Amino acid sequence: MTVQGWTFLIVGLSFTLYIAIAIITRARSTRDFYVAAKEVHPVANGMATAADWMSAASFIGMAGIISFLGADGAVYLMGWTGGYVLLALLLAPYLRKFGRFTVPDFIGDRYEARTARLVAVVCAIFISFTYVSGQMRGVGIVFSRFLEVDIALGVVIGMALVFFYAVLGGMKGITYTQVAQYCVLIFAFLVPAIFLSLMFADTALPQLGLGRLGDDGQSLLQRLDGLSTELGFGAYTEYGGSLINIAAITAALMLGTAGLPHVIIRFYTVRKVRDARSSAGWALLFIAILYTTAPAIAVFSRTNLLESVPETAYVESPEWLKTWEDVGLIAWDDRNGDGIITYAPGAAFAGKPIYAKDPETNEPLRGEFGQRLITNDSAGDHNELYVDRDIMVLANPEIAGLPDWVTALVAAGGLAAALSTAAGLLLVISSAVSHDLLKGAIMPNISEKRELLAARIAAGGAVVIAGLIGIWPPDYVAAIVAFAFGLAASSFFPAIVMGIFSTRMNGPGAISGMIAGIVFTTAYIIWFKFYDPSSNTPENWWFGISPEGIGVIGMLINFGVAIPVAALTRAPSPAIRTLVQDIRVPGDT
């Protein structure tokens, strides 16, 4: 059976499972739709939280970016792992004890202001759409390669599936679907990792494979360092970026985690605060399985790529390279016309190629060696080979020559990771519109039946918008997700932390802080990524911080605006101050 045949089989079976679960567990009330009736077992909630947390950025993007950036890419691993620990220990139990369904719900009630709720709704929707566009991008990449369809069509297929089980099942259906998706994605991530670890390091534990010494007395990391420097790149294990930028990105990812609404809402789906703490612990265990394996996958894939595509003639290059070239995610720019794929000192596989097409047939134009021609001079600063970092995990089994069913399994895992998080984010958007905006601010007396209908309509609309963003994404998967974390860090994190730990913080302070933080962060990202991308260099960044890490400065601006505004305006009511003190008292409600 071919890779495509295996993909149809494995992906088809997994999709059938997801749809069946959505039908069996479909929501019949708003309580089902928003928080799964608070009846989810802590272990199941831990698996669902892990699947919700480990998006396409974790499955596809994280290992890919570590593979490209080496030690510099570890900021994503440290930031996302540390952020989850921060959320689980510092915020989740208190938010669960407060007893509100959503983050805007918490902010609206805690700060006694409808305006605060509305600002939080806008922030939640903006953050969620930014995040979900990365998931749709991941779905499109998987479908485009393994089902041999256009990326746009792949996104549409993903939209249809998410629409079905998110709109039908709500949080109840999504929760149990995510349990199944976690099983699929973790199995799909570990199987090729074990294969590759046995190939490279003669051990079935990928985590140990990196340091295991080979016959030449070198570890795999040392071997990759030598291979990288030999081809003109920097040593893989050496930091090449600015320390302040590395620290900023790590902090933005960590603090942004604590403000992500689709993760926070998971702690409302269990019965008690004790169950919320327990599910957080289980989720950390399930997340650690993938996160401790990702660095090994990154090293295996980078080594695979450099060894399978040495400086050799294009006509002799492996078949997988030409297959991914046809998808549009690998390009070779024969700058010197010698027909050889050449590496040189400079950016490692950077750039965004624009392919030349026949104006009449719209078919790609090819050069004398059969390669697709690109019209822009952007396939790396010096290197002739451009590789989209989002394919590193997906292409790894093909590069290593693993069985076709392993390649198809990885495709199913990537889809499970992207769709599980997309569903959670779409539910946040849906609840923000129906529960926080419609019921909380515009129509407080709306019936439960009409609110449930509004929630489903909002989810459907969100799927369409998310799909459009996924078809025309602003960047690669991990970067898009990093923007969402920065936006969350600059808006929600200060408001939630001060709402829990400060009895003096009030509505005017929280509102002004959220607006200042998210406006600054958004403007910075838009300037460097969209308005003037040519200036997106370390020399032009403020304080030497990239758009991926600027959420830290946005967070400081939030605090810097909120605290003095709160000090100059009226204190919260005695009832709110008492409530803030009570939620920090240990209890189990």
Protein backbone atom coordinates (compact mmCIF):
# COMPACT_ATOMS: atom_id res chain seq x y z
CA MET A 1 0.00 0.00 0.00
CA THR A 2 1.27 3.52 -0.83
CA VAL A 3 1.75 6.37 1.63
CA GLN A 4 -1.43 7.97 0.32
CA GLY A 5 -3.35 4.72 0.78
CA TRP A 6 -2.13 4.32 4.36
CA THR A 7 -2.97 7.97 5.02
CA PHE A 8 -6.54 7.55 3.78
CA LEU A 9 -6.92 4.48 5.97
CA ILE A 10 -5.41 5.77 9.23
CA VAL A 11 -6.74 9.33 8.96
CA GLY A 12 -10.15 8.00 7.91
CA LEU A 13 -10.34 5.67 10.92
CA SER A 14 -9.28 8.43 13.33
CA PHE A 15 -11.80 10.89 11.87
CA THR A 16 -14.54 8.28 12.15
CA LEU A 17 -13.65 7.85 15.82
CA TYR A 18 -13.78 11.61 16.47
CA ILE A 19 -17.14 12.01 14.77
CA ALA A 20 -18.62 9.01 16.59
CA ILE A 21 -17.51 10.43 19.95
CA ALA A 22 -18.97 13.84 19.08
CA ILE A 23 -22.35 12.25 18.26
CA ILE A 24 -22.43 10.12 21.41
CA THR A 25 -21.40 12.97 23.73
CA ARG A 26 -23.22 15.85 22.01
CA ALA A 27 -24.20 18.80 24.19
CA ARG A 28 -27.83 19.08 25.26
CA SER A 29 -27.54 22.12 27.52
CA THR A 30 -25.39 25.22 27.92
CA ARG A 31 -23.73 23.53 30.91
CA ASP A 32 -22.73 20.64 28.60
CA PHE A 33 -21.64 23.06 25.89
CA TYR A 34 -19.46 25.31 28.06
CA VAL A 35 -18.00 23.07 30.79
CA ALA A 36 -19.07 19.46 29.97
CA ALA A 37 -21.49 19.58 32.95
CA LYS A 38 -18.42 19.53 35.26
CA GLU A 39 -18.45 15.71 35.16
CA VAL A 40 -15.09 14.93 33.53
CA HIS A 41 -12.77 12.57 35.43
CA PRO A 42 -9.40 14.19 36.35
CA VAL A 43 -7.37 11.67 34.30
CA ALA A 44 -9.56 12.18 31.24
CA ASN A 45 -9.44 15.93 31.77
CA GLY A 46 -5.64 15.69 32.03
CA MET A 47 -5.48 13.94 28.65
CA ALA A 48 -7.90 16.43 27.11
CA THR A 49 -5.92 19.34 28.56
CA ALA A 50 -2.70 17.89 27.14
CA ALA A 51 -4.29 17.52 23.69
CA ASP A 52 -5.74 21.04 23.94
CA TRP A 53 -2.34 22.35 24.99
CA MET A 54 -0.18 20.42 22.48
CA SER A 55 -1.30 22.04 19.29
CA ALA A 56 0.18 21.86 15.81
CA ALA A 57 2.88 24.14 17.21
CA SER A 58 3.95 21.41 19.64
CA PHE A 59 3.55 18.45 17.29
CA ILE A 60 4.70 20.02 14.02
CA GLY A 61 6.26 23.37 14.79
CA MET A 62 8.32 22.95 17.96
CA ALA A 63 10.61 20.15 16.81
CA GLY A 64 10.85 21.90 13.43
CA ILE A 65 11.97 25.20 14.90
CA ILE A 66 14.44 23.52 17.28
CA SER A 67 15.75 21.59 14.29
CA PHE A 68 16.40 24.85 12.45
CA LEU A 69 17.56 27.09 15.27
CA GLY A 70 19.38 24.54 17.41
CA ALA A 71 19.97 25.73 20.96
CA ASP A 72 18.15 29.02 20.23
CA GLY A 73 14.97 27.06 19.50
CA ALA A 74 14.94 25.68 23.04
CA VAL A 75 13.16 28.86 24.15
CA TYR A 76 9.91 27.38 22.83
CA LEU A 77 10.41 24.20 24.81
CA MET A 78 11.28 26.05 28.03
CA GLY A 79 8.61 28.72 27.63
CA TRP A 80 5.70 26.42 26.90
CA THR A 81 6.66 23.88 29.57
CA GLY A 82 7.32 26.49 32.27
CA GLY A 83 4.15 28.31 31.33
CA TYR A 84 1.98 25.30 31.89
CA VAL A 85 3.53 24.73 35.33
CA LEU A 86 2.89 28.39 36.15
CA LEU A 87 -0.73 28.11 35.06
CA ALA A 88 -1.37 24.87 36.92
CA LEU A 89 0.18 25.99 40.22
CA LEU A 90 -0.41 29.74 40.34
CA LEU A 91 -3.73 30.41 38.66
CA ALA A 92 -5.89 27.39 37.82
CA PRO A 93 -7.07 26.41 41.34
CA TYR A 94 -8.05 29.99 42.20
CA LEU A 95 -9.89 30.55 38.93
CA ARG A 96 -11.71 27.25 39.42
CA LYS A 97 -12.72 28.26 42.93
CA PHE A 98 -14.03 31.59 41.65
CA GLY A 99 -16.53 29.51 39.70
CA ARG A 100 -16.97 31.31 36.37
CA PHE A 101 -17.06 29.56 33.01
CA THR A 102 -14.70 31.83 31.04
CA VAL A 103 -11.90 34.36 31.47
CA PRO A 104 -14.13 37.30 30.41
CA ASP A 105 -16.68 35.99 32.94
CA PHE A 106 -14.03 36.14 35.67
CA ILE A 107 -12.79 39.59 34.64
CA GLY A 108 -16.31 41.02 34.32
CA ASP A 109 -17.40 39.83 37.78
CA ARG A 110 -14.10 40.41 39.55
CA TYR A 111 -13.78 43.99 38.35
CA GLU A 112 -17.51 44.77 38.60
CA ALA A 113 -17.61 46.33 35.16
CA ARG A 114 -19.40 45.49 31.94
CA THR A 115 -16.68 47.38 30.08
CA ALA A 116 -14.05 45.08 31.59
CA ARG A 117 -16.02 42.08 30.34
CA LEU A 118 -16.30 43.56 26.84
CA VAL A 119 -12.57 44.35 26.66
CA ALA A 120 -11.81 40.80 27.82
CA VAL A 121 -14.18 39.40 25.17
CA VAL A 122 -12.38 41.32 22.42
CA CYS A 123 -8.98 40.17 23.73
CA ALA A 124 -10.14 36.53 23.97
CA ILE A 125 -11.49 36.53 20.41
CA PHE A 126 -8.38 38.26 19.01
CA ILE A 127 -5.96 35.90 20.79
CA SER A 128 -7.96 32.81 19.86
CA PHE A 129 -8.18 33.71 16.17
CA THR A 130 -4.44 34.36 16.08
CA TYR A 131 -3.77 31.00 17.70
CA VAL A 132 -6.27 29.00 15.64
CA SER A 133 -4.84 30.28 12.35
CA GLY A 134 -1.66 28.37 13.18
CA GLN A 135 -3.65 25.18 13.68
CA MET A 136 -5.42 25.58 10.35
CA ARG A 137 -2.07 26.16 8.68
CA GLY A 138 -0.87 22.84 10.15
CA VAL A 139 -3.98 21.04 8.91
CA GLY A 140 -3.48 22.44 5.42
CA ILE A 141 0.16 21.31 5.29
CA VAL A 142 -0.68 17.76 6.33
CA PHE A 143 -3.52 17.37 3.85
CA SER A 144 -1.62 19.01 1.00
CA ARG A 145 1.23 16.53 1.20
CA PHE A 146 -0.37 13.26 2.21
CA LEU A 147 -3.71 13.52 0.43
CA GLU A 148 -2.12 15.41 -2.47
CA VAL A 149 -4.54 18.30 -2.42
CA ASP A 150 -3.98 22.06 -2.39
CA ILE A 151 -3.21 23.59 1.04
CA ALA A 152 -6.38 25.70 0.80
CA LEU A 153 -8.51 22.61 0.18
CA GLY A 154 -6.78 20.88 3.10
CA VAL A 155 -7.78 23.75 5.38
CA VAL A 156 -11.39 23.51 4.17
CA ILE A 157 -11.47 19.77 4.98
CA GLY A 158 -10.18 20.52 8.48
CA MET A 159 -12.77 23.27 8.88
CA ALA A 160 -15.57 20.87 8.03
CA LEU A 161 -14.46 18.32 10.62
CA VAL A 162 -13.94 20.86 13.42
CA PHE A 163 -17.26 22.48 12.57
CA PHE A 164 -19.02 19.17 13.01
CA TYR A 165 -17.79 18.11 16.41
CA ALA A 166 -17.22 21.57 17.95
CA VAL A 167 -20.66 22.88 16.99
CA LEU A 168 -22.47 19.63 17.79
CA GLY A 169 -20.65 18.49 20.90
CA GLY A 170 -19.52 21.68 22.59
CA MET A 171 -17.11 21.21 25.50
CA LYS A 172 -18.54 17.80 26.33
CA GLY A 173 -17.95 16.43 22.83
CA ILE A 174 -14.63 18.25 22.48
CA THR A 175 -13.34 16.87 25.79
CA TYR A 176 -13.81 13.21 24.95
CA THR A 177 -12.72 13.77 21.36
CA GLN A 178 -9.53 15.32 22.71
CA VAL A 179 -8.90 12.24 24.87
CA ALA A 180 -8.93 10.15 21.68
CA GLN A 181 -6.83 12.74 19.86
CA TYR A 182 -4.20 12.69 22.60
CA CYS A 183 -3.87 8.92 22.22
CA VAL A 184 -3.46 9.31 18.46
CA LEU A 185 -0.99 12.19 18.55
CA ILE A 186 1.27 10.79 21.26
CA PHE A 187 1.41 7.37 19.57
CA ALA A 188 2.13 9.05 16.24
CA PHE A 189 4.92 11.16 17.78
CA LEU A 190 6.61 8.33 19.68
CA VAL A 191 6.61 5.59 17.03
CA PRO A 192 8.90 7.37 14.52
CA ALA A 193 10.98 8.75 17.40
CA ILE A 194 11.66 5.21 18.63
CA PHE A 195 12.46 4.01 15.09
CA LEU A 196 14.90 6.88 14.58
CA SER A 197 16.47 6.47 18.02
CA LEU A 198 17.17 2.83 17.24
CA MET A 199 18.68 3.83 13.89
CA PHE A 200 20.88 6.65 15.19
CA ALA A 201 21.70 5.64 18.76
CA ASP A 202 20.76 1.96 19.13
CA THR A 203 18.35 2.68 21.97
CA ALA A 204 14.56 2.72 22.07
CA LEU A 205 14.47 5.79 24.33
CA PRO A 206 14.81 8.94 22.19
CA GLN A 207 15.61 11.03 25.26
CA LEU A 208 18.76 8.97 25.81
CA GLY A 209 19.71 8.81 22.16
CA LEU A 210 21.07 12.36 22.04
CA GLY A 211 23.91 11.68 24.45
CA ARG A 212 24.64 8.07 23.61
CA LEU A 213 28.16 7.58 22.23
CA GLY A 214 28.57 5.94 18.84
CA ASP A 215 31.35 3.72 17.53
CA ASP A 216 33.43 6.82 16.78
CA GLY A 217 33.22 7.95 20.41
CA GLN A 218 30.96 10.89 19.56
CA SER A 219 27.40 11.54 20.65
CA LEU A 220 24.75 12.37 18.08
CA LEU A 221 24.83 16.03 19.16
CA GLN A 222 28.58 16.18 18.62
CA ARG A 223 28.17 14.53 15.24
CA LEU A 224 25.53 17.09 14.24
CA ASP A 225 27.73 19.96 15.42
CA GLY A 226 30.52 18.73 13.18
CA LEU A 227 28.20 18.19 10.22
CA SER A 228 26.68 21.67 10.61
CA THR A 229 29.99 23.50 10.85
CA GLU A 230 31.40 21.50 7.94
CA LEU A 231 28.57 22.79 5.73
CA GLY A 232 29.08 26.38 6.87
CA PHE A 233 26.38 26.67 9.55
CA GLY A 234 26.95 27.48 13.19
CA ALA A 235 27.33 24.68 15.73
CA TYR A 236 23.90 23.25 16.52
CA THR A 237 24.41 23.30 20.31
CA GLU A 238 25.66 26.90 20.54
CA TYR A 239 23.39 29.88 21.17
CA GLY A 240 23.56 32.30 18.29
CA GLY A 241 20.96 34.87 19.29
CA SER A 242 20.79 37.71 21.75
CA LEU A 243 20.34 36.60 25.35
CA ILE A 244 17.82 39.36 26.01
CA ASN A 245 15.70 38.18 23.09
CA ILE A 246 15.95 34.55 24.19
CA ALA A 247 14.84 35.57 27.70
CA ALA A 248 12.01 37.73 26.33
CA ILE A 249 10.60 34.99 24.08
CA THR A 250 10.81 32.44 26.90
CA ALA A 251 9.04 34.78 29.32
CA ALA A 252 6.38 35.75 26.76
CA LEU A 253 5.58 32.12 26.05
CA MET A 254 5.55 31.26 29.75
CA LEU A 255 3.39 34.16 30.90
CA GLY A 256 1.18 33.96 27.83
CA THR A 257 0.35 30.38 28.76
CA ALA A 258 -1.15 31.59 32.00
CA GLY A 259 -3.48 33.86 30.08
CA LEU A 260 -4.64 31.50 27.33
CA PRO A 261 -8.42 31.18 27.67
CA HIS A 262 -8.77 27.79 25.94
CA VAL A 263 -6.48 26.14 28.53
CA ILE A 264 -7.94 27.91 31.56
CA ILE A 265 -11.49 26.83 30.71
CA ARG A 266 -10.47 23.17 31.01
CA PHE A 267 -10.18 23.53 34.78
CA TYR A 268 -13.92 24.23 35.00
CA THR A 269 -14.89 20.85 33.55
CA VAL A 270 -14.22 18.89 36.78
CA ARG A 271 -16.34 18.82 39.91
CA LYS A 272 -13.98 20.16 42.58
CA VAL A 273 -10.88 22.29 43.04
CA ARG A 274 -9.05 19.14 44.14
CA ASP A 275 -9.96 17.54 40.81
CA ALA A 276 -8.65 20.62 38.98
CA ARG A 277 -5.28 20.25 40.73
CA SER A 278 -5.24 16.52 40.00
CA SER A 279 -6.06 16.97 36.32
CA ALA A 280 -3.32 19.62 36.07
CA GLY A 281 -0.81 17.09 37.39
CA TRP A 282 -1.95 14.40 34.97
CA ALA A 283 -1.82 16.87 32.09
CA LEU A 284 1.77 17.79 32.98
CA LEU A 285 2.74 14.11 32.86
CA PHE A 286 1.05 13.60 29.48
CA ILE A 287 2.63 16.79 28.09
CA ALA A 288 6.10 15.79 29.33
CA ILE A 289 6.02 12.61 27.25
CA LEU A 290 5.97 14.64 24.03
CA TYR A 291 8.05 17.59 25.20
CA THR A 292 10.97 15.46 26.35
CA THR A 293 10.91 13.66 22.99
CA ALA A 294 10.76 16.78 20.77
CA PRO A 295 14.47 17.75 21.08
CA ALA A 296 15.45 14.25 19.97
CA ILE A 297 13.09 14.46 16.98
CA ALA A 298 14.65 17.82 16.10
CA VAL A 299 18.17 16.41 16.11
CA PHE A 300 17.18 13.28 14.19
CA SER A 301 15.41 15.33 11.50
CA ARG A 302 18.25 17.84 11.11
CA THR A 303 20.84 15.08 10.86
CA ASN A 304 18.61 13.19 8.44
CA LEU A 305 18.24 16.23 6.21
CA LEU A 306 21.93 17.12 6.06
CA GLU A 307 23.01 13.53 5.44
CA SER A 308 20.32 12.71 2.89
CA VAL A 309 20.76 15.93 0.89
CA PRO A 310 24.52 16.56 0.86
CA GLU A 311 26.07 18.89 -1.69
CA THR A 312 25.04 16.72 -4.60
CA ALA A 313 23.43 17.05 -8.03
CA TYR A 314 19.71 17.84 -7.94
CA VAL A 315 18.97 15.02 -10.40
CA GLU A 316 20.45 12.58 -7.85
CA SER A 317 18.49 13.99 -4.88
CA PRO A 318 16.07 11.68 -3.04
CA GLU A 319 12.47 11.31 -4.18
CA TRP A 320 11.02 12.79 -0.99
CA LEU A 321 12.66 16.15 -1.75
CA LYS A 322 10.95 16.40 -5.11
CA THR A 323 7.64 15.33 -3.60
CA TRP A 324 7.73 18.12 -1.00
CA GLU A 325 8.91 20.51 -3.72
CA ASP A 326 5.72 19.79 -5.63
CA VAL A 327 3.74 20.69 -2.49
CA GLY A 328 5.60 24.01 -2.42
CA LEU A 329 7.37 23.61 0.91
CA ILE A 330 10.88 22.88 -0.35
CA ALA A 331 12.70 24.85 -3.04
CA TRP A 332 16.09 24.73 -4.70
CA ASP A 333 17.44 27.91 -6.27
CA ASP A 334 20.34 27.01 -8.57
CA ARG A 335 22.17 30.32 -8.11
CA ASN A 336 25.39 29.35 -9.87
CA GLY A 337 23.80 27.18 -12.56
CA ASP A 338 25.87 24.07 -11.79
CA GLY A 339 22.95 21.76 -11.00
CA ILE A 340 24.30 21.01 -7.51
CA ILE A 341 22.48 21.73 -4.26
CA THR A 342 25.01 24.00 -2.55
CA TYR A 343 25.29 25.04 1.10
CA ALA A 344 27.29 28.06 2.24
CA PRO A 345 27.73 30.11 5.41
CA GLY A 346 24.62 32.12 6.21
CA ALA A 347 21.01 31.60 7.12
CA ALA A 348 20.08 27.94 7.42
CA PHE A 349 17.36 27.23 4.89
CA ALA A 350 15.64 30.62 5.23
CA GLY A 351 13.28 32.40 2.85
CA LYS A 352 9.85 32.28 1.26
CA PRO A 353 10.05 31.20 -2.40
CA ILE A 354 7.58 32.48 -4.98
CA TYR A 355 7.27 30.00 -7.81
CA ALA A 356 7.10 30.89 -11.48
CA LYS A 357 4.00 29.66 -13.32
CA ASP A 358 2.91 29.50 -16.93
CA PRO A 359 0.43 32.40 -17.35
CA GLU A 360 -1.82 30.33 -19.62
CA THR A 361 -1.92 26.93 -17.91
CA ASN A 362 -1.01 28.07 -14.37
CA GLU A 363 1.34 25.09 -14.21
CA PRO A 364 4.73 25.49 -12.51
CA LEU A 365 7.67 26.31 -14.74
CA ARG A 366 10.72 24.07 -14.37
CA GLY A 367 14.40 24.61 -14.97
CA GLU A 368 16.83 22.57 -17.03
CA PHE A 369 17.34 20.06 -14.19
CA GLY A 370 13.60 19.61 -13.55
CA GLN A 371 13.40 21.86 -10.48
CA ARG A 372 10.55 24.28 -9.94
CA LEU A 373 11.72 27.79 -10.79
CA ILE A 374 11.35 30.56 -8.24
CA THR A 375 10.96 34.19 -9.24
CA ASN A 376 12.32 35.90 -6.13
CA ASP A 377 15.85 35.89 -4.75
CA SER A 378 14.84 34.60 -1.32
CA ALA A 379 15.83 30.95 -0.93
CA GLY A 380 18.19 31.76 1.94
CA ASP A 381 20.80 34.50 2.25
CA HIS A 382 23.50 32.28 0.78
CA ASN A 383 22.22 28.71 0.65
CA GLU A 384 20.47 27.33 -2.40
CA LEU A 385 18.07 25.11 -0.51
CA TYR A 386 14.92 26.41 1.19
CA VAL A 387 13.03 24.08 3.54
CA ASP A 388 9.85 25.12 5.31
CA ARG A 389 10.49 24.31 8.98
CA ASP A 390 6.90 23.14 9.45
CA ILE A 391 7.56 19.99 7.43
CA MET A 392 10.51 18.67 9.43
CA VAL A 393 8.46 16.37 11.65
CA LEU A 394 6.12 15.35 8.84
CA ALA A 395 8.88 14.60 6.34
CA ASN A 396 11.17 12.89 8.85
CA PRO A 397 9.83 9.32 8.31
CA GLU A 398 10.21 9.69 4.54
CA ILE A 399 13.72 11.12 4.85
CA ALA A 400 14.73 8.20 7.09
CA GLY A 401 13.09 5.62 4.84
CA LEU A 402 10.68 4.37 7.51
CA PRO A 403 7.67 2.20 6.54
CA ASP A 404 4.83 3.98 4.74
CA TRP A 405 2.39 3.29 7.58
CA VAL A 406 4.65 5.28 9.96
CA THR A 407 4.54 8.24 7.60
CA ALA A 408 0.74 8.03 7.49
CA LEU A 409 0.58 7.71 11.28
CA VAL A 410 2.55 10.96 11.67
CA ALA A 411 0.06 12.66 9.36
CA ALA A 412 -2.82 11.47 11.55
CA GLY A 413 -0.97 12.69 14.66
CA GLY A 414 -0.38 16.13 13.19
CA LEU A 415 -4.06 16.43 12.32
CA ALA A 416 -5.08 15.28 15.81
CA ALA A 417 -2.83 17.90 17.43
CA ALA A 418 -4.06 20.73 15.22
CA LEU A 419 -7.75 19.85 15.36
CA SER A 420 -7.84 19.27 19.14
CA THR A 421 -6.51 22.74 19.87
CA ALA A 422 -8.56 24.34 17.10
CA ALA A 423 -11.72 22.92 18.66
CA GLY A 424 -10.83 24.29 22.10
CA LEU A 425 -10.08 27.73 20.67
CA LEU A 426 -13.28 27.81 18.66
CA LEU A 427 -15.23 26.99 21.80
CA VAL A 428 -13.57 29.97 23.54
CA ILE A 429 -14.64 32.23 20.67
CA SER A 430 -18.14 30.75 20.75
CA SER A 431 -18.55 31.18 24.52
CA ALA A 432 -17.08 34.70 24.37
CA VAL A 433 -19.76 35.71 21.86
CA SER A 434 -22.77 33.84 23.26
CA HIS A 435 -22.12 33.71 27.02
CA ASP A 436 -19.94 36.74 27.75
CA LEU A 437 -21.14 39.19 25.11
CA LEU A 438 -24.73 38.18 24.36
CA LYS A 439 -25.91 36.89 27.75
CA GLY A 440 -23.45 38.83 29.91
CA ALA A 441 -23.85 42.24 28.30
CA ILE A 442 -26.49 42.55 25.59
CA MET A 443 -29.35 40.10 26.39
CA PRO A 444 -29.04 39.01 30.04
CA ASN A 445 -32.49 37.39 30.01
CA ILE A 446 -31.90 35.20 26.96
CA SER A 447 -33.23 31.64 27.35
CA GLU A 448 -30.85 28.69 27.63
CA LYS A 449 -32.12 27.25 24.34
CA ARG A 450 -31.46 30.48 22.44
CA GLU A 451 -28.06 30.91 24.10
CA LEU A 452 -27.08 27.38 23.01
CA LEU A 453 -28.20 28.18 19.46
CA ALA A 454 -26.19 31.42 19.52
CA ALA A 455 -23.15 29.52 20.77
CA ARG A 456 -23.38 27.08 17.87
CA ILE A 457 -23.85 29.85 15.31
CA ALA A 458 -20.85 31.71 16.76
CA ALA A 459 -18.75 28.52 16.59
CA GLY A 460 -19.73 28.03 12.96
CA GLY A 461 -18.80 31.60 12.07
CA ALA A 462 -15.51 31.25 13.92
CA VAL A 463 -14.64 28.11 11.93
CA VAL A 464 -15.08 29.98 8.64
CA ILE A 465 -12.95 32.96 9.72
CA ALA A 466 -10.27 30.69 11.20
CA GLY A 467 -10.12 28.75 7.95
CA LEU A 468 -9.61 31.90 5.91
CA ILE A 469 -6.74 32.96 8.18
CA GLY A 470 -5.27 29.46 7.85
CA ILE A 471 -5.34 29.70 4.05
CA TRP A 472 -3.44 33.01 4.16
CA PRO A 473 -1.35 32.68 7.33
CA PRO A 474 0.99 35.46 8.52
CA ASP A 475 3.93 33.14 9.28
CA TYR A 476 4.99 29.56 10.07
CA VAL A 477 3.03 27.63 12.71
CA ALA A 478 5.26 28.13 15.76
CA ALA A 479 5.67 31.86 15.09
CA ILE A 480 1.92 32.42 14.73
CA VAL A 481 1.31 30.63 18.00
CA ALA A 482 4.09 32.66 19.66
CA PHE A 483 2.23 35.83 18.66
CA ALA A 484 -0.90 34.52 20.38
CA PHE A 485 1.09 33.84 23.55
CA GLY A 486 2.54 37.35 23.46
CA LEU A 487 -0.93 38.84 23.10
CA ALA A 488 -2.18 36.77 26.04
CA ALA A 489 0.80 37.78 28.19
CA SER A 490 0.25 41.46 27.47
CA SER A 491 -3.50 41.44 28.12
CA PHE A 492 -4.88 38.64 30.29
CA PHE A 493 -1.94 37.66 32.49
CA PRO A 494 -1.71 40.91 34.52
CA ALA A 495 -5.50 41.20 34.82
CA ILE A 496 -5.84 37.63 36.10
CA VAL A 497 -2.86 37.78 38.48
CA MET A 498 -3.90 41.11 39.98
CA GLY A 499 -7.51 39.94 40.09
CA ILE A 500 -6.48 36.99 42.27
CA PHE A 501 -3.72 38.47 44.41
CA SER A 502 -4.59 42.17 44.75
CA THR A 503 -7.64 43.42 46.64
CA ARG A 504 -6.89 46.99 45.46
CA MET A 505 -6.93 46.38 41.69
CA ASN A 506 -10.19 47.68 40.23
CA GLY A 507 -12.05 47.91 36.93
CA PRO A 508 -10.51 51.13 35.56
CA GLY A 509 -7.02 49.83 36.28
CA ALA A 510 -7.59 46.42 34.69
CA ILE A 511 -9.35 47.88 31.63
CA SER A 512 -6.69 50.51 30.92
CA GLY A 513 -3.91 47.98 31.46
CA MET A 514 -5.39 45.38 29.10
CA ILE A 515 -5.99 47.94 26.36
CA ALA A 516 -2.50 49.44 26.67
CA GLY A 517 -0.78 46.05 26.71
CA ILE A 518 -2.55 44.42 23.79
CA VAL A 519 -2.54 47.56 21.61
CA PHE A 520 1.22 47.99 22.00
CA THR A 521 1.95 44.30 21.36
CA THR A 522 -0.36 44.12 18.35
CA ALA A 523 1.08 47.29 16.83
CA TYR A 524 4.65 46.00 17.24
CA ILE A 525 3.84 42.65 15.61
CA ILE A 526 1.93 44.28 12.73
CA TRP A 527 4.72 46.77 12.06
CA PHE A 528 7.52 44.21 11.79
CA LYS A 529 5.57 41.30 10.29
CA PHE A 530 3.17 43.04 7.92
CA TYR A 531 3.72 46.78 7.46
CA ASP A 532 7.53 46.82 7.12
CA PRO A 533 8.81 43.21 7.17
CA SER A 534 12.14 44.28 5.65
CA SER A 535 12.95 46.04 8.94
CA ASN A 536 12.37 42.89 11.00
CA THR A 537 16.02 42.58 12.04
CA PRO A 538 17.75 42.68 15.45
CA GLU A 539 19.15 46.13 14.64
CA ASN A 540 15.65 47.61 14.40
CA TRP A 541 13.90 45.78 17.25
CA TRP A 542 13.12 47.76 20.37
CA PHE A 543 15.47 46.71 23.18
CA GLY A 544 16.67 43.93 20.86
CA ILE A 545 13.40 42.00 21.31
CA SER A 546 11.73 40.27 18.34
CA PRO A 547 7.96 40.29 17.66
CA GLU A 548 7.76 36.78 19.16
CA GLY A 549 9.00 38.09 22.53
CA ILE A 550 7.54 41.60 22.64
CA GLY A 551 4.59 40.41 24.74
CA VAL A 552 6.87 40.77 27.78
CA ILE A 553 7.17 44.52 27.20
CA GLY A 554 3.41 44.65 26.58
CA MET A 555 2.87 42.91 29.91
CA LEU A 556 5.09 45.44 31.72
CA ILE A 557 3.17 48.27 30.07
CA ASN A 558 -0.06 46.63 31.26
CA PHE A 559 1.17 46.53 34.86
CA GLY A 560 2.65 50.02 34.54
CA VAL A 561 -0.67 51.50 33.42
CA ALA A 562 -3.04 49.42 35.57
CA ILE A 563 -1.40 49.95 38.97
CA PRO A 564 -1.33 53.78 38.99
CA VAL A 565 -4.81 54.04 37.42
CA ALA A 566 -6.19 51.74 40.13
CA ALA A 567 -4.43 53.76 42.82
CA LEU A 568 -6.02 57.00 41.54
CA THR A 569 -9.56 55.62 41.25
CA ARG A 570 -12.08 54.15 43.68
CA ALA A 571 -11.24 50.85 45.36
CA PRO A 572 -13.33 47.74 44.67
CA SER A 573 -16.41 47.11 46.78
CA PRO A 574 -16.04 45.39 50.17
CA ALA A 575 -17.80 42.30 48.75
CA ILE A 576 -15.19 41.92 45.97
CA ARG A 577 -12.30 42.44 48.38
CA THR A 578 -13.72 39.75 50.64
CA LEU A 579 -14.21 37.44 47.64
CA VAL A 580 -10.58 37.91 46.53
CA GLN A 581 -9.40 36.98 50.01
CA ASP A 582 -11.72 33.95 50.15
CA ILE A 583 -10.63 32.36 46.86
CA ARG A 584 -7.05 32.17 48.15
CA VAL A 585 -8.15 30.22 51.23
CA PRO A 586 -7.66 26.45 50.69
CA GLY A 587 -10.93 24.72 49.96
CA ASP A 588 -12.56 22.15 47.73
CA THR A 589 -15.61 23.64 46.05
